[in-house]
Protein backbone atom coordinates (compact mmCIF):
# COMPACT_ATOMS: atom_id res chain seq x y z
CA UNK A 1 -3.44 23.07 88.08
CA UNK A 2 -5.68 21.03 85.75
CA UNK A 3 -6.86 24.20 84.07
CA UNK A 4 -3.27 25.25 83.46
CA UNK A 5 -2.47 21.78 82.04
CA UNK A 6 -5.50 21.93 79.69
CA UNK A 7 -4.43 25.41 78.56
CA UNK A 8 -0.90 24.21 77.74
CA UNK A 9 -2.22 21.16 75.80
CA UNK A 10 -4.70 23.36 73.88
CA UNK A 11 -1.89 25.78 72.99
CA UNK A 12 0.33 22.96 71.76
CA UNK A 13 -2.48 21.49 69.61
CA UNK A 14 -3.25 24.93 68.13
CA UNK A 15 0.45 25.52 67.37
CA UNK A 16 0.72 22.08 65.72
CA UNK A 17 -2.34 22.78 63.56
CA UNK A 18 -0.93 26.15 62.50
CA UNK A 19 2.40 24.56 61.58
CA UNK A 20 0.62 21.88 59.50
CA UNK A 21 -1.45 24.55 57.72
CA UNK A 22 1.63 26.68 56.98
CA UNK A 23 3.55 23.65 55.80
CA UNK A 24 0.64 22.67 53.51
CA UNK A 25 0.45 26.22 52.09
CA UNK A 26 4.22 26.26 51.49
CA UNK A 27 4.00 22.86 49.78
CA UNK A 28 1.26 24.22 47.50
CA UNK A 29 3.46 27.15 46.53
CA UNK A 30 6.72 25.27 46.04
CA UNK A 31 5.72 21.70 45.12
CA UNK A 32 6.59 21.95 41.43
CA UNK A 33 6.64 18.17 41.17
CA UNK A 34 2.84 17.92 41.57
CA UNK A 35 2.35 20.69 39.00
CA UNK A 36 4.74 18.95 36.62
CA UNK A 37 2.97 15.61 37.02
CA UNK A 38 -0.43 17.23 36.25
CA UNK A 39 1.00 18.96 33.17
CA UNK A 40 2.59 15.73 31.99
CA UNK A 41 -0.78 13.98 32.07
CA UNK A 42 -2.19 16.70 29.82
CA UNK A 43 0.80 16.95 27.50
CA UNK A 44 1.38 13.22 27.11
CA UNK A 45 -2.21 12.19 26.43
CA UNK A 46 -2.17 8.42 25.93
CA UNK A 47 -1.59 7.48 22.29
CA UNK A 48 -3.47 4.36 21.27
CA UNK A 49 -2.38 2.71 18.03
CA UNK A 50 -4.95 1.76 15.39
CA UNK A 51 -7.57 3.23 13.12
CA UNK A 52 -10.45 5.29 14.36
CA UNK A 53 -13.42 6.85 12.54
CA UNK A 54 -14.66 10.18 13.89
CA UNK A 55 -17.62 12.44 13.16
CA UNK A 56 -17.92 16.23 13.37
CA UNK A 57 -20.27 15.71 16.29
CA UNK A 58 -17.37 14.32 18.34
CA UNK A 59 -16.08 17.88 18.75
CA UNK A 60 -19.34 18.98 20.35
CA UNK A 61 -21.08 22.17 19.28
CA UNK A 62 -19.14 24.39 16.85
CA UNK A 63 -17.76 27.46 18.64
CA UNK A 64 -18.11 30.61 16.54
CA UNK A 65 -15.36 33.20 17.02
CA UNK A 66 -15.22 36.80 15.86
CA UNK A 67 -11.83 38.16 14.92
CA UNK A 68 -10.25 41.41 16.09
CA UNK A 69 -8.50 43.27 13.31
CA UNK A 70 -4.88 43.79 14.38
CA UNK A 71 -3.23 46.77 12.63
CA UNK A 72 0.46 46.08 12.21
CA UNK A 73 3.03 48.73 13.20
CA UNK A 74 3.08 51.46 10.52
CA UNK A 75 6.88 51.40 10.66
CA UNK A 76 6.76 48.02 8.92
CA UNK A 77 6.02 47.26 5.27
CA UNK A 78 2.51 47.13 3.85
CA UNK A 79 1.91 44.20 1.55
CA UNK A 80 -0.66 41.88 0.07
CA UNK A 81 -0.57 38.29 1.28
CA UNK A 82 1.14 35.76 -0.97
CA UNK A 83 2.08 32.27 0.33
CA UNK A 84 2.15 33.44 4.00
CA UNK A 85 3.53 31.39 6.89
CA UNK A 86 3.68 32.34 10.59
CA UNK A 87 5.51 31.39 13.80
CA UNK A 88 4.88 32.65 17.34
CA UNK A 89 7.93 32.10 19.52
CA UNK A 90 9.07 33.46 22.89
CA UNK A 91 7.00 36.66 22.67
CA UNK A 92 7.72 37.37 19.02
CA UNK A 93 5.75 36.98 15.80
CA UNK A 94 7.49 36.04 12.53
CA UNK A 95 5.60 36.49 9.30
CA UNK A 96 6.75 35.12 5.98
CA UNK A 97 5.30 36.63 2.79
CA UNK A 98 6.43 36.44 -0.84
CA UNK A 99 7.90 39.77 -2.02
CA UNK A 100 6.20 41.53 -4.93
CA UNK A 101 9.11 40.93 -7.32
CA UNK A 102 9.03 40.66 -11.11
CA UNK A 103 11.24 38.58 -13.35
CA UNK A 104 12.73 39.24 -16.79
CA UNK A 105 14.60 36.91 -19.05
CA UNK A 106 18.01 38.04 -20.39
CA UNK A 107 19.04 37.39 -24.02
CA UNK A 108 21.24 34.51 -22.88
CA UNK A 109 18.23 32.79 -21.30
CA UNK A 110 19.02 33.44 -17.66
CA UNK A 111 16.44 35.09 -15.38
CA UNK A 112 16.93 38.50 -13.77
CA UNK A 113 15.02 39.36 -10.60
CA UNK A 114 13.67 42.89 -10.47
CA UNK A 115 13.30 43.86 -6.76
CA UNK A 116 10.94 46.48 -5.29
CA UNK A 117 12.55 49.79 -4.41
CA UNK A 118 10.74 50.26 -1.10
CA UNK A 119 12.68 48.90 1.87
CA UNK A 120 11.21 45.73 3.36
CA UNK A 121 9.10 44.81 0.34
CA UNK A 122 12.00 42.88 -1.16
CA UNK A 123 12.20 40.63 1.92
CA UNK A 124 10.44 37.39 2.78
CA UNK A 125 10.55 37.60 6.57
CA UNK A 126 9.25 40.21 9.04
CA UNK A 127 9.68 40.22 12.85
CA UNK A 128 7.17 41.82 15.25
CA UNK A 129 7.18 42.02 19.02
CA UNK A 130 4.16 40.73 20.96
CA UNK A 131 1.64 41.67 22.22
CA UNK A 132 1.59 45.08 20.53
CA UNK A 133 3.01 43.91 17.17
CA UNK A 134 5.77 46.51 17.25
CA UNK A 135 7.78 46.15 14.03
CA UNK A 136 11.39 45.08 14.53
CA UNK A 137 12.98 44.25 11.16
CA UNK A 138 12.63 42.66 7.75
CA UNK A 139 15.19 40.28 6.24
CA UNK A 140 15.69 37.48 3.75
CA UNK A 141 16.13 39.12 0.39
CA UNK A 142 14.21 37.56 -2.46
CA UNK A 143 16.38 36.40 -5.32
CA UNK A 144 18.64 33.63 -6.55
CA UNK A 145 21.96 34.85 -5.18
CA UNK A 146 23.90 33.66 -2.13
CA UNK A 147 21.76 33.67 1.04
CA UNK A 148 18.77 34.88 -1.00
CA UNK A 149 15.40 33.12 -1.10
CA UNK A 150 13.04 31.96 -3.79
CA UNK A 151 10.83 29.29 -2.19
CA UNK A 152 11.42 29.29 1.57
CA UNK A 153 9.49 27.70 4.46
CA UNK A 154 9.50 28.48 8.18
CA UNK A 155 10.74 25.48 10.19
CA UNK A 156 9.06 24.99 13.61
CA UNK A 157 11.36 23.79 16.38
CA UNK A 158 11.04 22.09 19.76
CA UNK A 159 10.88 24.24 22.90
CA UNK A 160 14.41 23.25 23.90
CA UNK A 161 15.91 24.53 20.64
CA UNK A 162 17.28 28.10 20.62
CA UNK A 163 16.81 30.31 17.57
CA UNK A 164 14.33 30.20 14.72
CA UNK A 165 14.86 28.17 11.54
CA UNK A 166 14.18 28.79 7.87
CA UNK A 167 14.59 26.46 4.90
CA UNK A 168 15.23 27.40 1.25
CA UNK A 169 13.86 24.75 -1.08
CA UNK A 170 15.94 25.53 -4.19
CA UNK A 171 19.32 25.27 -2.43
CA UNK A 172 18.23 22.71 0.25
CA UNK A 173 19.82 25.02 2.82
CA UNK A 174 18.66 25.34 6.40
CA UNK A 175 19.27 28.65 8.24
CA UNK A 176 19.13 29.70 11.88
CA UNK A 177 18.08 33.27 12.61
CA UNK A 178 17.10 35.55 15.47
CA UNK A 179 15.00 38.69 15.92
CA UNK A 180 17.78 40.83 14.49
CA UNK A 181 17.38 39.09 11.16
CA UNK A 182 20.94 37.76 11.02
CA UNK A 183 21.16 34.54 8.97
CA UNK A 184 23.39 31.66 10.04
CA UNK A 185 23.58 28.82 7.46
CA UNK A 186 23.70 25.32 8.90
CA UNK A 187 27.04 23.56 8.23
CA UNK A 188 25.39 21.06 5.89
CA UNK A 189 23.10 20.97 2.86
CA UNK A 190 20.26 18.45 2.82
CA UNK A 191 20.36 16.04 -0.13
CA UNK A 192 17.59 15.15 -2.57
CA UNK A 193 15.81 11.82 -2.22
CA UNK A 194 17.03 9.26 -4.65
CA UNK A 195 14.47 8.64 -7.41
CA UNK A 196 12.40 11.73 -6.58
CA UNK A 197 12.10 14.42 -9.25
CA UNK A 198 11.02 17.24 -6.93
CA UNK A 199 11.55 18.22 -3.29
CA UNK A 200 9.46 20.51 -1.12
CA UNK A 201 10.42 19.66 2.45
CA UNK A 202 8.44 20.59 5.53
CA UNK A 203 11.12 20.59 8.24
CA UNK A 204 10.77 20.48 12.02
CA UNK A 205 13.87 20.96 14.17
CA UNK A 206 14.03 18.52 17.10
CA UNK A 207 17.54 19.59 18.18
CA UNK A 208 20.54 21.30 16.65
CA UNK A 209 21.58 18.02 15.00
CA UNK A 210 18.24 16.17 14.53
CA UNK A 211 15.63 17.11 11.95
CA UNK A 212 12.32 15.54 10.99
CA UNK A 213 10.70 16.37 7.68
CA UNK A 214 8.22 15.27 5.09
CA UNK A 215 9.54 14.99 1.56
CA UNK A 216 8.56 13.46 -1.79
CA UNK A 217 9.71 9.94 -2.53
CA UNK A 218 9.06 7.78 -5.58
CA UNK A 219 5.30 7.16 -5.73
CA UNK A 220 4.44 9.17 -2.63
CA UNK A 221 5.61 11.05 0.45
CA UNK A 222 7.37 9.97 3.62
CA UNK A 223 8.45 11.18 7.06
CA UNK A 224 12.22 11.25 7.24
CA UNK A 225 14.70 11.75 10.10
CA UNK A 226 18.15 13.25 9.50
CA UNK A 227 20.87 13.38 12.13
CA UNK A 228 24.00 15.47 11.67
CA UNK A 229 27.00 13.60 13.14
CA UNK A 230 30.43 15.06 12.72
CA UNK A 231 30.61 16.02 9.06
CA UNK A 232 28.06 13.53 7.80
CA UNK A 233 24.27 13.22 7.59
CA UNK A 234 22.53 10.04 8.69
CA UNK A 235 19.12 9.89 6.93
CA UNK A 236 16.37 7.37 7.65
CA UNK A 237 12.84 7.02 6.28
CA UNK A 238 10.61 6.28 9.24
CA UNK A 239 7.08 6.36 7.80
CA UNK A 240 5.58 6.09 4.30
CA UNK A 241 2.58 8.44 3.98
CA UNK A 242 1.25 6.84 0.77
CA UNK A 243 -1.69 4.51 1.39
CA UNK A 244 -3.59 4.05 -1.89
CA UNK A 245 -2.62 2.01 -4.95
CA UNK A 246 -4.70 4.40 -7.05
CA UNK A 247 -2.45 7.34 -6.14
CA UNK A 248 1.14 6.71 -7.24
CA UNK A 249 2.69 10.15 -7.10
CA UNK A 250 3.51 12.60 -4.29
CA UNK A 251 0.94 15.23 -5.16
CA UNK A 252 -2.24 13.57 -3.73
CA UNK A 253 -0.47 13.14 -0.40
CA UNK A 254 0.27 16.85 0.13
CA UNK A 255 -0.44 17.88 3.70
CA UNK A 256 0.88 19.53 6.88
CA UNK A 257 3.50 18.15 9.27
CA UNK A 258 4.58 19.15 12.75
CA UNK A 259 6.22 17.73 15.90
CA UNK A 260 5.20 18.54 19.43
CA UNK A 261 7.24 21.11 21.41
CA UNK A 262 8.44 18.23 23.60
CA UNK A 263 9.58 16.34 20.50
CA UNK A 264 7.73 13.18 21.53
CA UNK A 265 4.85 13.23 19.03
CA UNK A 266 4.37 13.91 15.32
CA UNK A 267 1.26 14.77 13.29
CA UNK A 268 0.55 14.64 9.61
CA UNK A 269 -2.77 15.94 8.17
CA UNK A 270 -3.64 15.31 4.52
CA UNK A 271 -4.94 18.12 2.35
CA UNK A 272 -7.04 16.04 -0.08
CA UNK A 273 -8.20 13.29 2.31
CA UNK A 274 -9.86 13.85 5.66
CA UNK A 275 -7.16 11.82 7.36
CA UNK A 276 -4.82 12.59 10.26
CA UNK A 277 -1.90 10.54 11.55
CA UNK A 278 -0.69 10.98 15.14
CA UNK A 279 2.42 9.03 16.09
CA UNK A 280 5.39 8.81 18.40
CA UNK A 281 8.71 10.16 17.17
CA UNK A 282 9.82 6.73 15.89
CA UNK A 283 6.46 6.01 14.21
CA UNK A 284 6.15 2.78 16.17
CA UNK A 285 2.74 3.75 17.61
CA UNK A 286 0.45 5.31 14.98
CA UNK A 287 -3.13 6.49 15.40
CA UNK A 288 -4.86 6.75 12.03
CA UNK A 289 -7.84 9.11 12.24
CA UNK A 290 -10.41 9.42 9.44
CA UNK A 291 -13.84 11.01 9.29
CA UNK A 292 -17.18 10.11 7.84
CA UNK A 293 -16.62 12.18 4.71
CA UNK A 294 -16.74 11.71 0.95
CA UNK A 295 -13.66 9.75 -0.10
CA UNK A 296 -11.48 10.52 -3.10
CA UNK A 297 -9.62 7.20 -3.03
CA UNK A 298 -11.45 5.97 -6.12
CA UNK A 299 -10.45 9.04 -8.16
CA UNK A 300 -7.26 9.51 -10.12
CA UNK A 301 -4.51 12.04 -9.29
CA UNK A 302 -5.82 14.66 -11.73
CA UNK A 303 -9.30 14.66 -10.24
CA UNK A 304 -7.90 14.64 -6.70
CA UNK A 305 -6.01 17.87 -7.36
CA UNK A 306 -8.85 19.50 -9.34
CA UNK A 307 -10.71 22.67 -8.22
CA UNK A 308 -13.96 20.76 -7.74
CA UNK A 309 -12.49 18.35 -5.17
CA UNK A 310 -12.76 19.18 -1.46
CA UNK A 311 -9.78 20.72 0.32
CA UNK A 312 -9.59 19.34 3.84
CA UNK A 313 -6.59 20.34 5.98
CA UNK A 314 -4.69 23.52 5.19
CA UNK A 315 -2.36 24.51 8.02
CA UNK A 316 -1.08 23.21 11.36
CA UNK A 317 0.43 24.55 14.59
CA UNK A 318 1.25 23.01 17.99
CA UNK A 319 1.52 23.82 21.69
CA UNK A 320 2.54 21.71 24.69
CA UNK A 321 -1.00 20.44 25.17
CA UNK A 322 -2.67 20.56 21.76
CA UNK A 323 -2.29 20.73 18.00
CA UNK A 324 -4.55 22.87 15.81
CA UNK A 325 -5.58 22.11 12.24
CA UNK A 326 -7.09 24.63 9.81
CA UNK A 327 -9.96 22.93 7.99
CA UNK A 328 -11.79 24.03 4.84
CA UNK A 329 -14.23 21.28 3.97
CA UNK A 330 -15.13 22.95 0.63
CA UNK A 331 -13.86 22.97 -2.90
CA UNK A 332 -11.63 25.82 -4.16
CA UNK A 333 -14.48 26.82 -6.45
CA UNK A 334 -16.87 27.15 -3.50
CA UNK A 335 -14.37 29.17 -1.49
CA UNK A 336 -13.74 31.54 -4.44
CA UNK A 337 -17.49 32.21 -4.84
CA UNK A 338 -17.94 32.79 -1.06
CA UNK A 339 -14.94 35.09 -0.79
CA UNK A 340 -16.24 37.14 -3.71
CA UNK A 341 -19.24 38.04 -1.56
CA UNK A 342 -17.44 38.79 1.74
CA UNK A 343 -14.61 37.77 4.05
CA UNK A 344 -15.44 34.09 3.98
CA UNK A 345 -14.90 31.69 6.90
CA UNK A 346 -12.65 28.80 7.94
CA UNK A 347 -12.71 26.12 10.62
CA UNK A 348 -10.02 25.27 13.15
CA UNK A 349 -9.97 21.85 14.83
CA UNK A 350 -8.24 21.37 18.18
CA UNK A 351 -6.85 17.97 19.33
CA UNK A 352 -4.86 16.72 22.26
CA UNK A 353 -1.66 14.75 21.62
CA UNK A 354 -3.53 11.48 21.89
CA UNK A 355 -5.45 12.48 18.75
CA UNK A 356 -8.68 13.11 20.66
CA UNK A 357 -10.95 15.94 19.40
CA UNK A 358 -11.17 18.84 21.87
CA UNK A 359 -13.05 21.66 20.10
CA UNK A 360 -14.06 22.98 16.68
CA UNK A 361 -14.10 26.68 15.89
CA UNK A 362 -15.63 28.68 13.05
CA UNK A 363 -13.71 31.87 12.26
CA UNK A 364 -15.46 34.77 10.52
CA UNK A 365 -12.66 35.30 7.93
CA UNK A 366 -10.86 33.12 5.44
CA UNK A 367 -7.10 32.67 5.74
CA UNK A 368 -4.23 30.75 7.23
CA UNK A 369 -4.27 30.21 10.99
CA UNK A 370 -1.84 29.25 13.77
CA UNK A 371 -2.27 29.16 17.55
CA UNK A 372 -0.10 29.71 20.67
CA UNK A 373 -2.75 28.04 22.88
CA UNK A 374 -4.26 31.38 23.96
CA UNK A 375 -5.09 32.99 20.65
CA UNK A 376 -5.57 32.15 17.01
CA UNK A 377 -3.55 34.26 14.59
CA UNK A 378 -5.04 34.50 11.11
CA UNK A 379 -3.81 36.23 7.94
CA UNK A 380 -6.66 37.18 5.64
CA UNK A 381 -5.72 37.70 2.02
CA UNK A 382 -8.23 40.47 1.37
CA UNK A 383 -6.67 43.11 3.62
CA UNK A 384 -3.52 45.27 3.40
CA UNK A 385 -3.34 44.83 7.15
CA UNK A 386 -4.02 41.09 6.99
CA UNK A 387 -3.84 40.00 10.64
CA UNK A 388 -6.88 38.99 12.73
CA UNK A 389 -6.75 37.69 16.33
CA UNK A 390 -9.23 35.30 17.97
CA UNK A 391 -9.17 34.66 21.73
CA UNK A 392 -9.77 31.00 22.61
CA UNK A 393 -12.58 30.33 25.11
CA UNK A 394 -11.35 30.46 28.71
CA UNK A 395 -8.26 32.49 27.76
CA UNK A 396 -9.79 35.97 28.11
């Protein structure tokens, strides 16, 4: 009888242990809350306000990457790179490139645009499908007519925003588009900043009615938020990017601007100063990052923009967990000499959203770079097929 009782108790204990193990395994598979919490800790890295001085050594050892030459679909246009921009979104790759157009002046003084005859070469924008870069379509005719483009920019958007956005500088018109290349103008036109003689906005779309951008203001640049309410635009300057009394125009403060896919953080990286600002979306908490590098603060605007001054940051992209900055660290004259002997090189710096350095990469070609968190996409100006891909460590 005792043996039977022990056998029953042992069976019950074994059954209970099995149930606990199954329940634990099911919790591991379905407990998205724990996964979300872990991801949140990575995405929302603590942002500490104040100024911090970094060194290159804070990235650790430089990681050298070798690019794989990606031949674009032969169905698409073949072109030389001119003012390229890129976006990777939802399994698609959008490339912007200036068409090879020529201009003639009519007797009455107006300008006539002479467009290329080959289809696709008169367009600014080209869609490809990932990962095989299958060509889809080209759109965005170059010119000065209705819904034509002269000086456009791609406008990154938050993950919750549908569609892809483009902005035409000359008309101050924002467009939504999709992978068919259909253009949908926004129901408003952005206005110029009072007192500013020139505008070259870098726009990020936070939602269908909220836009953050950097624009020129009198004696500098600023981050501005515009909200579309009803039929009116509510515009507010939320951060002045000028910081030196010796630089009183917008040009020394040229740089790159982006918001995080979540819309909770913003970054601005200066081209002519080794200086990065990481902030919350209201610019109430700002982390000011500088490096131990030669300063140009004591120079005037002309010297700052000269070919013998160092170019620092030259491109930005963002993922949920990180932002990536393309870094030159050389003068345009040095880069020209180096590229005359080969394919050159460029650095990419990776940071978390707290502004902490994560890694520094050296790419074996010169050109603009973006990242989707798994790969670096680079367009190299010296190739008819300009695209090179670099796999980030741990993403093989």
